[in-house]
Protein backbone atom coordinates (compact mmCIF):
# COMPACT_ATOMS: atom_id res chain seq x y z
CA UNK A 1 3.56 -2.82 25.45
CA UNK A 2 0.98 -1.15 23.22
CA UNK A 3 3.77 0.69 21.38
CA UNK A 4 5.39 -2.64 20.52
CA UNK A 5 2.08 -4.06 19.30
CA UNK A 6 1.50 -0.93 17.20
CA UNK A 7 4.92 -1.22 15.56
CA UNK A 8 4.36 -4.90 14.79
CA UNK A 9 0.97 -4.19 13.25
CA UNK A 10 2.23 -1.35 11.05
CA UNK A 11 5.11 -3.49 9.77
CA UNK A 12 2.61 -6.28 9.18
CA UNK A 13 0.44 -3.97 7.07
CA UNK A 14 3.37 -2.89 4.91
CA UNK A 15 4.57 -6.46 4.36
CA UNK A 16 1.03 -7.56 3.51
CA UNK A 17 0.61 -4.86 0.88
CA UNK A 18 3.93 -5.74 -0.80
CA UNK A 19 3.28 -9.45 -1.12
CA UNK A 20 -0.22 -8.77 -2.41
CA UNK A 21 1.27 -6.54 -5.11
CA UNK A 22 3.66 -9.35 -6.08
CA UNK A 23 0.70 -11.74 -6.29
CA UNK A 24 -1.21 -9.28 -8.45
CA UNK A 25 1.76 -9.05 -10.85
CA UNK A 26 2.25 -12.82 -11.15
CA UNK A 27 1.25 -14.67 -14.31
CA UNK A 28 -0.49 -17.50 -12.45
CA UNK A 29 -1.75 -16.21 -9.12
CA UNK A 30 -2.85 -19.52 -7.58
CA UNK A 31 0.48 -21.22 -8.29
CA UNK A 32 2.51 -18.19 -7.20
CA UNK A 33 0.68 -17.94 -3.88
CA UNK A 34 1.01 -21.69 -3.27
CA UNK A 35 4.77 -21.59 -3.90
CA UNK A 36 5.49 -18.62 -1.60
CA UNK A 37 3.82 -20.42 1.31
CA UNK A 38 5.67 -23.69 0.78
CA UNK A 39 9.01 -22.89 2.54
CA UNK A 40 7.51 -21.63 5.81
CA UNK A 41 4.95 -24.44 5.85
CA UNK A 42 7.72 -27.05 5.67
CA UNK A 43 9.85 -25.30 8.30
CA UNK A 44 7.04 -24.81 10.83
CA UNK A 45 5.46 -28.27 10.59
CA UNK A 46 7.60 -29.77 13.44
CA UNK A 47 6.61 -26.86 15.70
CA UNK A 48 2.91 -27.48 15.16
CA UNK A 49 3.23 -31.25 15.57
CA UNK A 50 5.12 -30.88 18.86
CA UNK A 51 2.51 -28.54 20.32
CA UNK A 52 -0.42 -30.68 19.19
CA UNK A 53 1.21 -33.82 20.59
CA UNK A 54 1.96 -32.22 23.95
CA UNK A 55 -1.41 -30.58 24.59
CA UNK A 56 -4.93 -31.88 25.21
CA UNK A 57 -7.57 -29.72 23.52
CA UNK A 58 -11.31 -29.63 24.06
CA UNK A 59 -13.74 -30.08 21.20
CA UNK A 60 -14.38 -26.33 21.07
CA UNK A 61 -10.69 -25.58 20.66
CA UNK A 62 -10.37 -28.12 17.84
CA UNK A 63 -13.38 -26.50 16.15
CA UNK A 64 -11.75 -23.07 16.37
CA UNK A 65 -8.50 -24.42 14.94
CA UNK A 66 -10.46 -26.10 12.16
CA UNK A 67 -12.41 -22.89 11.48
CA UNK A 68 -9.15 -20.97 11.05
CA UNK A 69 -7.83 -23.61 8.63
CA UNK A 70 -11.02 -23.73 6.56
CA UNK A 71 -11.36 -19.94 6.37
CA UNK A 72 -7.75 -19.66 5.20
CA UNK A 73 -8.48 -22.20 2.45
CA UNK A 74 -11.51 -20.28 1.21
CA UNK A 75 -9.60 -16.99 1.55
CA UNK A 76 -6.71 -18.16 -0.62
CA UNK A 77 -9.03 -19.45 -3.32
CA UNK A 78 -11.14 -16.29 -3.43
CA UNK A 79 -8.00 -14.13 -3.40
CA UNK A 80 -6.85 -15.50 -6.76
CA UNK A 81 -10.27 -14.87 -8.34
CA UNK A 82 -10.40 -11.35 -6.91
CA UNK A 83 -7.01 -10.33 -8.29
CA UNK A 84 -7.94 -11.70 -11.70
CA UNK A 85 -11.13 -9.61 -11.66
CA UNK A 86 -10.10 -6.11 -10.52
CA UNK A 87 -7.38 -3.50 -9.90
CA UNK A 88 -5.24 -3.83 -6.79
CA UNK A 89 -6.05 -0.24 -5.75
CA UNK A 90 -9.79 -1.05 -5.95
CA UNK A 91 -10.18 -4.57 -4.53
CA UNK A 92 -7.49 -4.34 -1.83
CA UNK A 93 -9.26 -1.56 0.13
CA UNK A 94 -12.53 -3.52 0.01
CA UNK A 95 -10.91 -6.78 1.13
CA UNK A 96 -9.20 -5.10 4.05
CA UNK A 97 -11.99 -2.59 4.77
CA UNK A 98 -14.69 -5.20 5.38
CA UNK A 99 -13.01 -6.68 8.49
CA UNK A 100 -12.23 -3.13 9.67
CA UNK A 101 -15.97 -2.62 10.07
CA UNK A 102 -16.81 -6.04 11.48
CA UNK A 103 -13.91 -7.00 13.77
CA UNK A 104 -14.18 -4.12 16.31
CA UNK A 105 -17.90 -4.71 16.76
CA UNK A 106 -17.49 -8.48 17.07
CA UNK A 107 -14.43 -8.06 19.30
CA UNK A 108 -16.53 -6.11 21.78
CA UNK A 109 -19.18 -8.84 21.73
CA UNK A 110 -17.01 -11.97 21.68
CA UNK A 111 -13.99 -10.91 23.75
CA UNK A 112 -15.57 -8.27 26.02
CA UNK A 113 -13.21 -5.62 24.66
CA UNK A 114 -13.77 -1.86 24.60
CA UNK A 115 -12.94 0.83 22.05
CA UNK A 116 -12.82 4.46 23.25
CA UNK A 117 -14.91 7.16 21.57
CA UNK A 118 -11.89 8.44 19.63
CA UNK A 119 -11.38 4.92 18.36
CA UNK A 120 -14.92 4.74 17.01
CA UNK A 121 -14.49 8.16 15.37
CA UNK A 122 -11.26 6.95 13.79
CA UNK A 123 -13.03 3.82 12.60
CA UNK A 124 -15.71 6.01 11.00
CA UNK A 125 -13.02 7.99 9.17
CA UNK A 126 -11.48 4.77 7.86
CA UNK A 127 -14.82 3.60 6.54
CA UNK A 128 -15.39 7.01 4.93
CA UNK A 129 -12.06 6.63 3.15
CA UNK A 130 -13.07 3.21 1.87
CA UNK A 131 -16.32 4.60 0.47
CA UNK A 132 -14.40 7.34 -1.35
CA UNK A 133 -12.08 4.72 -2.85
CA UNK A 134 -15.03 2.66 -4.03
CA UNK A 135 -16.61 5.68 -5.69
CA UNK A 136 -14.02 5.40 -8.46
CA UNK A 137 -15.56 2.14 -9.62
CA UNK A 138 -18.58 4.03 -11.01
CA UNK A 139 -16.41 5.40 -13.79
CA UNK A 140 -15.93 1.88 -15.11
CA UNK A 141 -19.61 1.05 -15.02
CA UNK A 142 -21.50 -0.67 -12.25
CA UNK A 143 -21.73 -4.02 -14.02
CA UNK A 144 -17.97 -4.18 -14.65
CA UNK A 145 -17.22 -3.34 -11.01
CA UNK A 146 -19.82 -5.65 -9.45
CA UNK A 147 -17.92 -8.94 -9.74
CA UNK A 148 -14.60 -7.75 -8.24
CA UNK A 149 -16.51 -5.90 -5.51
CA UNK A 150 -18.49 -8.98 -4.47
CA UNK A 151 -15.37 -11.13 -4.54
CA UNK A 152 -13.46 -8.59 -2.45
CA UNK A 153 -16.27 -8.45 0.14
CA UNK A 154 -16.24 -12.27 0.32
CA UNK A 155 -12.50 -12.19 0.96
CA UNK A 156 -13.10 -9.61 3.71
CA UNK A 157 -15.62 -11.90 5.40
CA UNK A 158 -13.06 -14.71 5.39
CA UNK A 159 -10.47 -12.39 6.93
CA UNK A 160 -12.95 -11.43 9.65
CA UNK A 161 -13.69 -15.08 10.48
CA UNK A 162 -10.10 -16.29 10.67
CA UNK A 163 -8.87 -13.19 12.54
CA UNK A 164 -11.42 -13.63 15.31
CA UNK A 165 -10.87 -17.39 15.56
CA UNK A 166 -7.10 -16.88 15.65
CA UNK A 167 -7.43 -14.39 18.51
CA UNK A 168 -9.08 -17.20 20.49
CA UNK A 169 -6.58 -19.80 19.23
CA UNK A 170 -3.65 -17.75 20.57
CA UNK A 171 -4.77 -18.77 24.06
CA UNK A 172 -3.87 -22.37 23.24
CA UNK A 173 -1.22 -22.25 20.49
CA UNK A 174 1.97 -20.27 20.06
CA UNK A 175 2.08 -17.73 17.20
CA UNK A 176 4.44 -19.99 15.22
CA UNK A 177 2.21 -23.05 15.60
CA UNK A 178 -0.89 -21.06 14.72
CA UNK A 179 0.89 -19.58 11.70
CA UNK A 180 1.50 -23.14 10.52
CA UNK A 181 -2.23 -23.92 10.84
CA UNK A 182 -3.05 -20.92 8.66
CA UNK A 183 -0.29 -21.82 6.18
CA UNK A 184 -1.66 -25.33 5.75
CA UNK A 185 -5.16 -24.00 5.24
CA UNK A 186 -3.95 -21.44 2.70
CA UNK A 187 -2.08 -24.05 0.67
CA UNK A 188 -4.94 -26.57 0.78
CA UNK A 189 -7.27 -24.05 -0.81
CA UNK A 190 -4.91 -23.54 -3.75
CA UNK A 191 -3.67 -27.12 -4.25
CA UNK A 192 -6.42 -28.22 -6.69
CA UNK A 193 -5.75 -25.21 -8.95
CA UNK A 194 -1.99 -25.83 -8.81
CA UNK A 195 -2.42 -29.50 -9.77
CA UNK A 196 -4.80 -28.68 -12.62
CA UNK A 197 -2.61 -25.96 -14.09
CA UNK A 198 0.56 -28.03 -14.32
CA UNK A 199 2.54 -24.77 -14.36
CA UNK A 200 4.51 -25.12 -11.13
CA UNK A 201 7.95 -25.26 -12.75
CA UNK A 202 7.14 -22.50 -15.19
CA UNK A 203 5.99 -20.13 -12.44
CA UNK A 204 9.10 -20.87 -10.36
CA UNK A 205 11.34 -20.10 -13.33
CA UNK A 206 9.45 -16.94 -14.28
CA UNK A 207 9.17 -15.44 -10.78
CA UNK A 208 12.20 -16.93 -9.00
CA UNK A 209 13.31 -13.64 -7.42
CA UNK A 210 9.84 -12.50 -6.40
CA UNK A 211 9.00 -15.90 -4.92
CA UNK A 212 11.64 -15.57 -2.20
CA UNK A 213 10.47 -12.06 -1.32
CA UNK A 214 6.90 -13.33 -1.07
CA UNK A 215 7.99 -16.40 0.90
CA UNK A 216 9.34 -14.08 3.61
CA UNK A 217 6.75 -11.30 3.58
CA UNK A 218 3.57 -13.36 3.23
CA UNK A 219 3.79 -15.60 6.31
CA UNK A 220 5.94 -12.98 8.03
CA UNK A 221 3.22 -10.34 7.80
CA UNK A 222 0.69 -12.55 9.59
CA UNK A 223 3.24 -13.70 12.18
CA UNK A 224 3.84 -10.05 13.12
CA UNK A 225 0.09 -9.59 13.53
CA UNK A 226 -0.25 -12.71 15.70
CA UNK A 227 2.58 -11.53 17.94
CA UNK A 228 0.79 -8.20 18.37
CA UNK A 229 -2.59 -9.85 18.93
CA UNK A 230 -1.34 -11.79 21.95
CA UNK A 231 -1.01 -8.62 24.03
CA UNK A 232 -3.56 -6.18 22.59
CA UNK A 233 -7.28 -5.92 21.94
CA UNK A 234 -8.23 -7.31 18.55
CA UNK A 235 -10.78 -4.49 18.14
CA UNK A 236 -7.92 -1.98 18.30
CA UNK A 237 -5.03 -3.58 16.41
CA UNK A 238 -7.04 -5.24 13.61
CA UNK A 239 -8.18 -1.89 12.15
CA UNK A 240 -4.65 -0.47 12.47
CA UNK A 241 -3.25 -3.30 10.38
CA UNK A 242 -5.29 -1.91 7.52
CA UNK A 243 -2.67 0.78 7.04
CA UNK A 244 -1.74 -1.77 4.40
CA UNK A 245 -4.68 -0.36 2.42
CA UNK A 246 -2.74 2.87 1.98
CA UNK A 247 0.40 1.00 0.97
CA UNK A 248 -1.59 -1.23 -1.38
CA UNK A 249 -3.29 1.74 -3.00
CA UNK A 250 0.00 3.57 -3.54
CA UNK A 251 1.66 0.45 -4.94
CA UNK A 252 -1.24 -0.07 -7.31
CA UNK A 253 -1.08 3.51 -8.54
CA UNK A 254 2.69 3.96 -8.71
CA UNK A 255 4.02 0.50 -9.56
CA UNK A 256 1.09 -1.05 -11.44
CA UNK A 257 0.06 2.26 -13.10
CA UNK A 258 -3.61 1.97 -12.18
CA UNK A 259 -6.03 4.87 -12.64
CA UNK A 260 -8.09 7.09 -10.27
CA UNK A 261 -4.95 8.30 -8.46
CA UNK A 262 -6.28 11.57 -6.96
CA UNK A 263 -9.43 10.04 -5.51
CA UNK A 264 -7.69 7.02 -4.04
CA UNK A 265 -4.77 8.98 -2.59
CA UNK A 266 -7.21 11.42 -0.93
CA UNK A 267 -9.12 8.49 0.51
CA UNK A 268 -5.85 6.99 1.78
CA UNK A 269 -5.11 10.18 3.74
CA UNK A 270 -8.52 9.90 5.40
CA UNK A 271 -7.82 6.25 6.26
CA UNK A 272 -4.44 7.11 7.82
CA UNK A 273 -6.09 9.83 9.93
CA UNK A 274 -8.55 7.26 11.22
CA UNK A 275 -5.75 4.82 12.03
CA UNK A 276 -3.91 7.48 14.02
CA UNK A 277 -7.03 8.18 16.05
CA UNK A 278 -7.55 4.47 16.77
CA UNK A 279 -3.92 4.12 17.80
CA UNK A 280 -4.25 7.12 20.13
CA UNK A 281 -7.38 5.70 21.74
CA UNK A 282 -5.70 2.36 22.28
CA UNK A 283 -2.66 3.98 23.86
């Protein structure tokens, strides 16, 4: 069972890195992200409505569902600002690295989970890799790097909040219904920017091919993670999903032609080593 969860999480990380690269390349990031979530949101709405109509939830459960929706809204809004402010190979590791530090610790506290000693060593290696990646920002000047760094950390805090709430929500909603909750929250956060820009048709025409790729990979990446999270400790699989950091770094360096290749590739190797150790401890 753990092997299946591991495979789902690794595929989720790859899909996540690809759709984030597509978002980074888009001319209007808020509109592009809104559009790629539209198809799955429409398709999954009946699933969510049926489950909500057929189940009686306590106030605490409704609060957790609402927390997931709100955090997704804030996450989507901050994501557009972050990608406008910094390189993919810089901000992506920070966004994904922040929950890597917080989720295992909070998972132990909130869900009474346990992470073996090799898992904690692997987690330390991942964090070391993130620090090495961030060291490249000094070459650009601390002031220039401060804004994207703070935005990326804020995104990471949102990811931490909705990941932990969704782990609890999976006890009451199916992965498809919960994915719809997160989709709605994501789109709500971007809707004001989409309405103000008035560029919906232009973005669809400009990125028609990429939109369909994003429409599959973006919700699909989180669905894979939710399927894995049903049967595995969140403190184990959440850090492993951050293999997407390696994919995101490589995509930023190779496809987007960003700088600091040697440092960030070296850091990626350290991160992968940590992920392997976490996976081994979980198995």
